[in-house]
Amino acid sequence: MTTAEKFKVWLETIYVSDKTKKPLTTGTQYVTGLYALNRQFNLLGDGIYDLNTNLNHIRNLIDQPENFQKDYSSHFNAFVKFRDYNTERDNKNKKPLQRQVDVFKKQQVEISAIETTIKYFEGLDYIVVSKEKDNVGWDLEATNINETLLLEVKGLSGNISSIELTPNEYKNSKEKKTHYKLCIVTNALTKPKLEIFSFNPDLDIWTNNLNEKLLTEERIAARMWKE
């Protein structure tokens, strides 16, 4: 991913807007705003998106009255926070035995999986609403005149090996199994492929349209402390 693409994902997942106290619904406007500043200041290469660019110099340019055409200060301020976030993350990753996790890749996999699932069900004339931030135990609700389906979406960068459900997701998959669907998107970053598993009451197991099965292993967590 380019820095601009990473910035967009960050705006939509991690960034907290001063106005709404939530991430942005879409970061496209902020991304294009910084590109506009690149053109305005005739910056070479990636301009502001070059992680070696001196942002203090850009700040000085923005603050000069003769350069004011449109107020991109909020866009630029967000990018400064993005740079600080990356710096802090990189410093943490340099610590011994620090687990290396590509946060942005994971986010892109999840975004691709959600978008693939939405596109599929909208193609079947369902109205799809996101429930990702509501902590209800599923990600999307797909509704037509006959039914409302509860869609739990799992994205994988490769083929299916296994997926994990949170306690809340697993609880709802059992309680609402008639309408609950497990939507697994494989190869999410290359050629997304959606497989939908529904509960088969005859077999007491989750199957897809090819009658392939999802085996379930229940796990129990524990709290431990020093006496």
Protein backbone atom coordinates (compact mmCIF):
# COMPACT_ATOMS: atom_id res chain seq x y z
CA MET A 1 0.00 0.00 0.00
CA THR A 2 1.08 3.56 -0.64
CA THR A 3 1.31 6.04 2.21
CA ALA A 4 -1.85 7.73 0.94
CA GLU A 5 -3.72 4.39 1.02
CA LYS A 6 -2.48 3.69 4.54
CA PHE A 7 -3.54 7.19 5.59
CA LYS A 8 -7.07 6.55 4.26
CA VAL A 9 -7.36 3.26 6.18
CA TRP A 10 -6.06 4.92 9.33
CA LEU A 11 -8.61 7.76 9.01
CA GLU A 12 -11.45 5.25 8.73
CA THR A 13 -10.36 2.91 11.54
CA ILE A 14 -8.03 4.52 14.09
CA TYR A 15 -8.29 8.30 13.76
CA VAL A 16 -10.70 10.09 16.12
CA SER A 17 -12.30 13.24 14.72
CA ASP A 18 -12.34 16.24 17.06
CA LYS A 19 -15.90 16.95 15.91
CA THR A 20 -17.56 13.52 15.97
CA LYS A 21 -15.17 11.69 18.33
CA LYS A 22 -15.21 8.83 15.81
CA PRO A 23 -13.18 7.74 12.79
CA LEU A 24 -14.19 9.26 9.47
CA THR A 25 -16.83 7.52 7.39
CA THR A 26 -14.53 7.98 4.41
CA GLY A 27 -11.02 9.38 4.30
CA THR A 28 -11.09 10.17 0.59
CA GLN A 29 -11.63 13.92 1.08
CA TYR A 30 -8.61 14.20 3.37
CA VAL A 31 -6.43 12.18 0.99
CA THR A 32 -7.36 14.32 -2.01
CA GLY A 33 -6.92 17.47 0.08
CA LEU A 34 -3.28 16.64 0.68
CA TYR A 35 -2.79 15.93 -3.01
CA ALA A 36 -4.19 19.41 -3.68
CA LEU A 37 -1.58 20.87 -1.34
CA ASN A 38 1.13 18.94 -3.18
CA ARG A 39 0.05 20.61 -6.41
CA GLN A 40 -0.35 24.03 -4.82
CA PHE A 41 3.18 23.99 -3.41
CA ASN A 42 4.69 22.20 -6.45
CA LEU A 43 6.10 19.46 -4.21
CA LEU A 44 8.16 16.79 -5.93
CA GLY A 45 7.48 13.05 -5.80
CA ASP A 46 4.99 12.03 -3.14
CA GLY A 47 5.23 15.46 -1.53
CA ILE A 48 3.51 15.43 1.85
CA TYR A 49 3.07 11.66 1.59
CA ASP A 50 6.85 11.18 1.51
CA LEU A 51 7.61 10.13 5.08
CA ASN A 52 10.90 12.07 4.91
CA THR A 53 9.15 15.36 4.13
CA ASN A 54 9.68 18.10 6.72
CA LEU A 55 6.13 18.72 7.93
CA ASN A 56 7.17 21.85 9.80
CA HIS A 57 8.13 23.37 6.45
CA ILE A 58 4.72 22.42 5.02
CA ARG A 59 3.04 23.94 8.09
CA ASN A 60 4.86 27.22 7.48
CA LEU A 61 3.69 27.26 3.86
CA ILE A 62 0.08 26.61 4.86
CA ASP A 63 0.19 29.41 7.44
CA GLN A 64 1.32 32.04 4.95
CA PRO A 65 -1.69 34.20 3.95
CA GLU A 66 -0.70 34.34 0.28
CA ASN A 67 -0.92 30.53 0.09
CA PHE A 68 -4.46 30.36 1.46
CA GLN A 69 -6.82 29.12 -1.25
CA LYS A 70 -8.82 26.54 0.66
CA ASP A 71 -8.52 25.54 4.29
CA TYR A 72 -6.78 22.16 4.32
CA SER A 73 -5.52 22.58 7.88
CA SER A 74 -7.73 19.80 9.29
CA HIS A 75 -6.50 17.44 6.56
CA PHE A 76 -2.89 18.32 7.29
CA ASN A 77 -3.34 18.09 11.08
CA ALA A 78 -4.75 14.60 10.67
CA PHE A 79 -1.73 13.58 8.60
CA VAL A 80 0.61 14.89 11.31
CA LYS A 81 -1.19 12.63 13.80
CA PHE A 82 -0.87 9.76 11.30
CA ARG A 83 2.90 10.32 11.07
CA ASP A 84 3.16 10.43 14.87
CA TYR A 85 1.13 7.21 15.11
CA ASN A 86 3.47 5.46 12.67
CA THR A 87 6.55 6.69 14.49
CA GLU A 88 5.23 5.42 17.81
CA ARG A 89 4.29 2.06 16.27
CA ASP A 90 7.70 1.67 14.65
CA ASN A 91 9.44 2.40 17.94
CA LYS A 92 7.37 -0.27 19.68
CA ASN A 93 8.16 -2.79 16.96
CA LYS A 94 11.89 -2.29 17.52
CA LYS A 95 11.66 -3.64 21.06
CA PRO A 96 13.06 -7.19 21.66
CA LEU A 97 10.54 -10.00 21.19
CA GLN A 98 7.93 -7.48 20.03
CA ARG A 99 5.34 -9.32 17.99
CA GLN A 100 5.42 -8.04 14.43
CA VAL A 101 1.91 -7.37 13.21
CA ASP A 102 1.09 -5.64 9.94
CA VAL A 103 -1.87 -3.68 11.23
CA PHE A 104 -2.67 -2.07 7.92
CA LYS A 105 -2.64 -5.36 6.02
CA LYS A 106 -5.09 -6.82 8.53
CA GLN A 107 -7.33 -3.79 8.15
CA GLN A 108 -7.22 -4.03 4.36
CA VAL A 109 -8.19 -7.72 4.53
CA GLU A 110 -11.14 -6.87 6.75
CA ILE A 111 -12.24 -3.97 4.54
CA SER A 112 -12.03 -6.12 1.40
CA ALA A 113 -14.05 -8.89 3.06
CA ILE A 114 -16.79 -6.47 4.15
CA GLU A 115 -16.96 -4.81 0.72
CA THR A 116 -17.08 -8.18 -1.08
CA THR A 117 -19.92 -9.39 1.14
CA ILE A 118 -21.92 -6.17 0.79
CA LYS A 119 -21.57 -6.24 -3.01
CA TYR A 120 -22.77 -9.84 -3.16
CA PHE A 121 -25.90 -9.34 -1.08
CA GLU A 122 -26.77 -6.01 -2.70
CA GLY A 123 -26.59 -7.88 -6.02
CA LEU A 124 -29.35 -10.12 -4.64
CA ASP A 125 -31.48 -7.02 -3.87
CA TYR A 126 -30.84 -6.99 -0.14
CA ILE A 127 -30.42 -3.71 1.71
CA VAL A 128 -27.20 -4.09 3.70
CA VAL A 129 -26.51 -2.13 6.89
CA SER A 130 -23.25 -2.18 8.84
CA LYS A 131 -23.39 -3.24 12.49
CA GLU A 132 -19.62 -3.43 12.91
CA LYS A 133 -19.45 -0.76 15.62
CA ASP A 134 -22.55 -1.85 17.53
CA ASN A 135 -21.02 -4.97 19.14
CA VAL A 136 -24.15 -7.02 18.44
CA GLY A 137 -22.34 -10.23 17.49
CA TRP A 138 -22.39 -9.87 13.71
CA ASP A 139 -21.01 -7.38 11.18
CA LEU A 140 -23.81 -6.73 8.69
CA GLU A 141 -27.58 -7.03 8.39
CA ALA A 142 -28.99 -7.86 4.95
CA THR A 143 -32.72 -7.26 4.57
CA ASN A 144 -35.22 -7.87 1.78
CA ILE A 145 -39.02 -8.13 1.84
CA ASN A 146 -38.83 -11.70 3.17
CA GLU A 147 -36.09 -11.81 5.76
CA THR A 148 -33.20 -10.19 7.62
CA LEU A 149 -29.92 -12.08 7.60
CA LEU A 150 -27.24 -11.59 10.23
CA LEU A 151 -23.86 -11.72 8.51
CA GLU A 152 -20.64 -12.34 10.37
CA VAL A 153 -17.76 -11.58 7.99
CA LYS A 154 -14.28 -13.09 8.23
CA GLY A 155 -11.51 -12.06 5.86
CA LEU A 156 -8.44 -14.15 5.09
CA SER A 157 -5.42 -13.24 2.99
CA GLY A 158 -5.08 -16.90 1.91
CA ASN A 159 -7.35 -19.93 1.75
CA ILE A 160 -9.51 -21.18 4.59
CA SER A 161 -7.52 -22.85 7.32
CA SER A 162 -9.60 -21.73 10.26
CA ILE A 163 -11.52 -18.75 11.59
CA GLU A 164 -12.19 -17.63 15.12
CA LEU A 165 -15.39 -16.29 16.63
CA THR A 166 -15.45 -14.06 19.67
CA PRO A 167 -17.58 -15.28 22.60
CA ASN A 168 -20.28 -12.80 21.57
CA GLU A 169 -20.21 -13.91 17.92
CA TYR A 170 -20.27 -17.59 18.86
CA LYS A 171 -23.14 -17.07 21.31
CA ASN A 172 -25.24 -15.34 18.65
CA SER A 173 -24.35 -17.90 15.98
CA LYS A 174 -25.94 -20.55 18.20
CA GLU A 175 -28.93 -18.52 19.42
CA LYS A 176 -29.83 -17.00 16.02
CA LYS A 177 -28.61 -19.81 13.77
CA THR A 178 -31.72 -19.67 11.54
CA HIS A 179 -30.76 -16.23 10.21
CA TYR A 180 -27.03 -16.18 11.01
CA LYS A 181 -24.55 -16.56 8.14
CA LEU A 182 -20.79 -16.99 8.30
CA CYS A 183 -19.37 -15.11 5.30
CA ILE A 184 -15.74 -16.07 4.74
CA VAL A 185 -13.77 -14.15 2.12
CA THR A 186 -10.52 -15.83 1.08
CA ASN A 187 -7.63 -14.28 -0.88
CA ALA A 188 -9.09 -10.94 0.17
CA LEU A 189 -6.21 -8.82 -1.13
CA THR A 190 -5.81 -10.53 -4.51
CA LYS A 191 -8.90 -12.32 -5.84
CA PRO A 192 -11.59 -12.15 -3.14
CA LYS A 193 -13.78 -15.25 -3.02
CA LEU A 194 -16.87 -15.34 -0.82
CA GLU A 195 -18.07 -18.56 0.80
CA ILE A 196 -21.28 -18.48 2.82
CA PHE A 197 -21.89 -21.04 5.53
CA SER A 198 -25.36 -21.63 6.97
CA PHE A 199 -26.39 -23.85 9.85
CA ASN A 200 -27.66 -27.21 8.63
CA PRO A 201 -30.11 -28.54 11.26
CA ASP A 202 -30.16 -32.02 9.72
CA LEU A 203 -26.41 -32.41 10.13
CA ASP A 204 -26.12 -30.08 13.15
CA ILE A 205 -23.17 -28.36 11.48
CA TRP A 206 -22.31 -25.32 9.34
CA THR A 207 -22.17 -26.03 5.59
CA ASN A 208 -21.82 -24.05 2.36
CA ASN A 209 -23.62 -24.56 -0.96
CA LEU A 210 -21.14 -27.33 -1.88
CA ASN A 211 -21.98 -29.13 1.37
CA GLU A 212 -18.48 -28.45 2.66
CA LYS A 213 -18.43 -28.39 6.45
CA LEU A 214 -17.00 -26.12 9.10
CA LEU A 215 -15.84 -28.11 12.09
CA THR A 216 -16.15 -26.42 15.47
CA GLU A 217 -13.79 -26.55 18.42
CA GLU A 218 -15.06 -24.82 21.52
CA ARG A 219 -12.44 -23.08 23.63
CA ILE A 220 -12.68 -21.85 27.19
CA ALA A 221 -10.76 -18.84 28.44
CA ALA A 222 -9.50 -18.40 31.98
CA ARG A 223 -8.45 -15.61 34.31
CA MET A 224 -5.29 -16.31 36.30
CA TRP A 225 -3.56 -14.40 39.05
CA LYS A 226 -0.72 -14.79 41.53
CA GLU A 227 -1.74 -15.90 44.99
